Protein backbone atom coordinates (compact mmCIF):
# COMPACT_ATOMS: atom_id res chain seq x y z
CA MET A 1 -18.46 -91.12 27.58
CA ALA A 2 -19.34 -90.47 23.99
CA LYS A 3 -22.82 -89.26 23.20
CA ASN A 4 -24.94 -91.26 20.83
CA LYS A 5 -25.20 -89.65 17.47
CA ARG A 6 -28.65 -88.47 16.60
CA GLN A 7 -30.16 -90.73 14.02
CA PRO A 8 -31.38 -88.94 10.89
CA VAL A 9 -35.13 -88.75 10.49
CA LEU A 10 -36.16 -90.49 7.30
CA LYS A 11 -38.95 -88.76 5.48
CA THR A 12 -41.48 -91.10 3.97
CA LYS A 13 -43.39 -90.27 0.87
CA THR A 14 -47.15 -90.33 0.92
CA PRO A 15 -48.18 -93.64 -0.62
CA VAL A 16 -49.18 -93.31 -4.21
CA ALA A 17 -52.16 -95.33 -5.36
CA GLU A 18 -50.96 -98.39 -7.24
CA LYS A 19 -51.88 -98.69 -10.86
CA PHE A 20 -54.48 -101.30 -11.59
CA ALA A 21 -52.74 -104.56 -12.39
CA LEU A 22 -55.37 -105.53 -14.97
CA SER A 23 -56.44 -103.74 -18.13
CA ALA A 24 -59.97 -102.66 -18.91
CA CYS A 25 -60.07 -104.12 -22.40
CA TYR A 26 -57.99 -105.64 -25.17
CA GLN A 27 -59.24 -103.25 -27.86
CA HIS A 28 -61.40 -100.12 -27.81
CA GLU A 29 -63.38 -100.13 -31.05
CA LEU A 30 -65.82 -103.01 -30.50
CA ILE A 31 -68.10 -104.27 -27.74
CA GLU A 32 -65.87 -106.78 -25.97
CA ALA A 33 -66.77 -109.76 -23.78
CA GLY A 34 -64.33 -111.69 -21.61
CA CYS A 35 -64.82 -115.45 -21.27
CA ASP A 36 -63.47 -118.05 -18.87
CA GLU A 37 -64.37 -121.47 -17.50
CA ALA A 38 -64.20 -123.31 -14.17
CA GLY A 39 -64.05 -127.00 -13.32
CA ARG A 40 -62.08 -128.29 -16.25
CA GLY A 41 -59.84 -130.49 -14.09
CA CYS A 42 -62.57 -131.97 -11.89
CA LEU A 43 -63.58 -135.62 -11.62
CA ALA A 44 -67.24 -134.80 -11.08
CA GLY A 45 -69.81 -132.21 -11.99
CA PRO A 46 -70.28 -129.93 -15.00
CA VAL A 47 -67.81 -127.45 -16.41
CA PHE A 48 -69.10 -123.90 -16.03
CA ALA A 49 -68.26 -120.84 -18.11
CA ALA A 50 -69.12 -117.16 -18.01
CA ALA A 51 -69.10 -114.26 -20.45
CA VAL A 52 -68.91 -110.70 -19.15
CA ILE A 53 -69.13 -107.30 -20.81
CA LEU A 54 -67.85 -104.53 -18.55
CA PRO A 55 -67.93 -100.75 -19.04
CA PRO A 56 -64.86 -99.62 -21.03
CA ASP A 57 -63.68 -97.46 -18.12
CA PHE A 58 -64.10 -100.23 -15.53
CA GLU A 59 -61.49 -100.29 -12.76
CA HIS A 60 -61.11 -102.31 -9.58
CA ASN A 61 -58.24 -102.75 -7.12
CA LEU A 62 -59.18 -106.26 -6.00
CA LEU A 63 -60.61 -107.95 -9.08
CA ASN A 64 -58.23 -110.63 -10.34
CA ASP A 65 -57.98 -114.26 -11.40
CA SER A 66 -60.40 -116.16 -9.15
CA LYS A 67 -57.62 -118.57 -8.13
CA GLN A 68 -55.74 -115.66 -6.54
CA LEU A 69 -58.64 -114.68 -4.28
CA CYS A 70 -60.15 -116.16 -1.15
CA GLU A 71 -63.69 -117.48 -1.22
CA ALA A 72 -65.18 -114.49 0.62
CA ASP A 73 -63.62 -112.04 -1.84
CA ARG A 74 -64.89 -114.06 -4.80
CA TYR A 75 -68.47 -113.95 -3.56
CA ASN A 76 -68.30 -110.26 -2.70
CA LEU A 77 -66.89 -109.53 -6.14
CA ARG A 78 -69.62 -111.59 -7.78
CA ILE A 79 -72.22 -109.21 -6.37
CA GLU A 80 -70.31 -106.18 -7.61
CA ILE A 81 -69.66 -107.68 -11.04
CA GLU A 82 -73.33 -108.46 -11.51
CA GLN A 83 -74.27 -104.92 -10.47
CA ARG A 84 -71.70 -103.12 -12.62
CA ALA A 85 -71.49 -105.31 -15.73
CA ILE A 86 -73.20 -104.14 -18.89
CA ALA A 87 -74.07 -107.78 -19.53
CA TYR A 88 -73.11 -111.16 -18.10
CA ALA A 89 -74.18 -114.79 -18.39
CA VAL A 90 -73.18 -118.14 -16.91
CA ALA A 91 -73.68 -121.54 -18.54
CA SER A 92 -72.60 -125.14 -18.05
CA VAL A 93 -71.98 -128.43 -19.84
CA SER A 94 -72.87 -131.62 -17.97
CA ASN A 95 -70.56 -134.46 -17.04
CA ILE A 96 -72.42 -136.67 -19.55
CA GLU A 97 -71.74 -134.20 -22.36
CA ILE A 98 -68.10 -133.93 -21.22
CA ASP A 99 -67.72 -137.70 -21.62
CA GLU A 100 -69.23 -137.51 -25.10
CA ILE A 101 -67.23 -134.61 -26.57
CA ASN A 102 -64.18 -134.38 -24.19
CA ILE A 103 -63.44 -131.70 -21.64
CA LEU A 104 -61.69 -129.28 -24.01
CA ASN A 105 -64.64 -129.12 -26.40
CA ALA A 106 -67.01 -129.00 -23.43
CA SER A 107 -65.19 -125.94 -22.08
CA PHE A 108 -65.60 -124.19 -25.44
CA LEU A 109 -69.26 -125.22 -25.61
CA ALA A 110 -69.91 -123.81 -22.13
CA MET A 111 -68.42 -120.48 -23.24
CA HIS A 112 -70.57 -120.51 -26.39
CA ARG A 113 -73.67 -121.14 -24.30
CA ALA A 114 -72.78 -118.25 -21.99
CA ILE A 115 -72.24 -115.91 -24.95
CA ASP A 116 -75.60 -117.04 -26.39
CA GLN A 117 -77.32 -115.86 -23.22
CA LEU A 118 -75.89 -112.32 -23.19
CA HIS A 119 -78.61 -109.74 -23.74
CA LEU A 120 -76.07 -107.60 -25.62
CA THR A 121 -74.28 -109.17 -28.57
CA PRO A 122 -70.49 -108.84 -28.26
CA GLU A 123 -68.50 -107.79 -31.32
CA PHE A 124 -65.19 -109.13 -30.01
CA LEU A 125 -64.25 -111.89 -27.55
CA ILE A 126 -61.21 -112.30 -25.34
CA ILE A 127 -60.72 -115.86 -24.14
CA ASP A 128 -58.62 -117.13 -21.25
CA GLY A 129 -56.17 -119.71 -22.58
CA ASN A 130 -54.51 -120.53 -25.87
CA ARG A 131 -57.30 -122.33 -27.75
CA PHE A 132 -60.93 -121.68 -28.63
CA ASN A 133 -63.55 -122.88 -31.10
CA LYS A 134 -64.69 -119.83 -33.03
CA TYR A 135 -68.08 -118.47 -31.96
CA LYS A 136 -70.16 -117.85 -35.11
CA THR A 137 -68.40 -115.06 -37.03
CA THR A 138 -67.29 -113.10 -33.96
CA PRO A 139 -63.56 -112.30 -33.93
CA HIS A 140 -61.67 -113.36 -30.83
CA GLU A 141 -58.28 -113.36 -29.19
CA CYS A 142 -56.93 -116.13 -26.95
CA ILE A 143 -54.86 -114.78 -24.06
CA ILE A 144 -52.73 -117.07 -21.90
CA GLN A 145 -53.40 -116.25 -18.22
CA GLY A 146 -55.90 -113.68 -19.43
CA ASP A 147 -57.78 -113.86 -16.13
CA GLY A 148 -54.81 -112.07 -14.57
CA LYS A 149 -54.55 -109.50 -17.36
CA TYR A 150 -58.03 -108.26 -18.25
CA PHE A 151 -60.89 -107.29 -15.95
CA SER A 152 -63.63 -108.90 -18.06
CA ILE A 153 -61.87 -112.29 -18.14
CA ALA A 154 -61.19 -112.07 -14.40
CA ALA A 155 -64.85 -111.25 -13.83
CA ALA A 156 -65.85 -114.25 -15.96
CA SER A 157 -63.52 -116.49 -13.97
CA ILE A 158 -65.15 -115.38 -10.72
CA LEU A 159 -68.69 -115.92 -11.95
CA ALA A 160 -67.87 -119.33 -13.41
CA LYS A 161 -66.06 -120.40 -10.25
CA THR A 162 -68.67 -119.23 -7.73
CA TYR A 163 -71.66 -120.55 -9.67
CA ARG A 164 -69.95 -123.92 -10.06
CA ASP A 165 -69.03 -124.01 -6.37
CA ASP A 166 -72.67 -123.36 -5.49
CA TYR A 167 -73.73 -126.23 -7.74
CA MET A 168 -71.22 -128.65 -6.20
CA GLN A 169 -72.33 -127.63 -2.70
CA GLN A 170 -75.83 -128.77 -3.63
CA LEU A 171 -74.57 -132.08 -5.03
CA ALA A 172 -72.53 -132.65 -1.87
CA THR A 173 -75.72 -133.17 0.13
CA GLU A 174 -76.55 -136.18 -2.08
CA HIS A 175 -73.11 -137.81 -1.80
CA PRO A 176 -71.34 -136.50 1.33
CA GLU A 177 -68.73 -139.28 1.27
CA TYR A 178 -66.98 -137.67 -1.72
CA ASP A 179 -66.26 -134.45 0.19
CA TRP A 180 -67.57 -132.21 -2.60
CA HIS A 181 -68.49 -129.49 -0.11
CA THR A 182 -64.76 -128.81 0.24
CA ASN A 183 -63.05 -130.21 -2.89
CA LYS A 184 -65.83 -129.11 -5.32
CA GLY A 185 -65.18 -132.22 -7.39
CA TYR A 186 -61.46 -131.68 -7.88
CA PRO A 187 -59.19 -134.77 -7.67
CA THR A 188 -58.03 -134.62 -4.07
CA ILE A 189 -56.58 -137.78 -2.56
CA LYS A 190 -59.73 -138.36 -0.52
CA HIS A 191 -61.97 -137.87 -3.54
CA ARG A 192 -59.98 -140.34 -5.64
CA ASN A 193 -59.93 -142.87 -2.80
CA MET A 194 -63.71 -142.58 -2.38
CA VAL A 195 -64.25 -143.18 -6.10
CA MET A 196 -62.07 -146.28 -5.98
CA GLN A 197 -63.88 -147.47 -2.84
CA HIS A 198 -67.51 -146.59 -3.68
CA GLY A 199 -67.42 -146.24 -7.47
CA PHE A 200 -68.81 -143.49 -9.68
CA THR A 201 -71.93 -141.47 -8.97
CA PRO A 202 -74.20 -140.25 -11.79
CA HIS A 203 -72.29 -136.94 -11.54
CA HIS A 204 -68.81 -138.31 -12.21
CA ARG A 205 -66.97 -137.99 -15.51
CA ARG A 206 -66.49 -141.60 -16.53
CA THR A 207 -63.76 -140.88 -19.08
CA PHE A 208 -61.44 -139.34 -16.50
CA ASN A 209 -58.58 -141.36 -15.07
CA VAL A 210 -59.18 -141.52 -11.31
CA THR A 211 -55.66 -142.62 -10.40
CA ASN A 212 -54.09 -139.89 -12.54
CA PRO A 213 -56.86 -137.49 -13.59
CA GLN A 214 -54.42 -135.04 -15.19
CA LEU A 215 -54.10 -137.46 -18.10
CA SER A 216 -57.70 -136.79 -19.07
CA ILE A 217 -58.14 -133.02 -18.96
CA PHE A 218 -56.39 -131.99 -22.18
């Protein structure tokens, strides 16, 4: 009976620490703030935005686009961002203002308001997305999917998202039938059905198309 051949022992390399997927900053000469918004596609509630200035040598293995993270990670990261940031601010634009100036301009306005509140004036801005209304005379760069490329934009996305979620949780106690404690105002089927059944609340965006809300967010 033939003996089984001894299987070769495969040597495994010691895992090497992965490089950080995101970059610390877009440029190195000027004080740079990353900006992002949350709630642009919602039927109800304000749009929130954040501006964050991080140390130039900032690194983090977990920090990423808020949409790529679970809720627990977002809230844990919010604490760390607020502790480690050189400066940060969060601002919002109400649903009434959104109806008056449209959601795109409202998103830009929310970012402007957040930048206004920074205790350190940024000399350069990096913006998530492909469009932005210039902030005063400050130079900026729009970066598509920037929240997955630069730490400061990712940090801004997390602050904007978590602060807005907190706000919608509070509103949910006033109007539990709309399920805002789980959908945060986004156009889920249940949320749209409740609007068509019960009508708008004072917190809804009246200019948004309830049956096809995507038509109204650009």
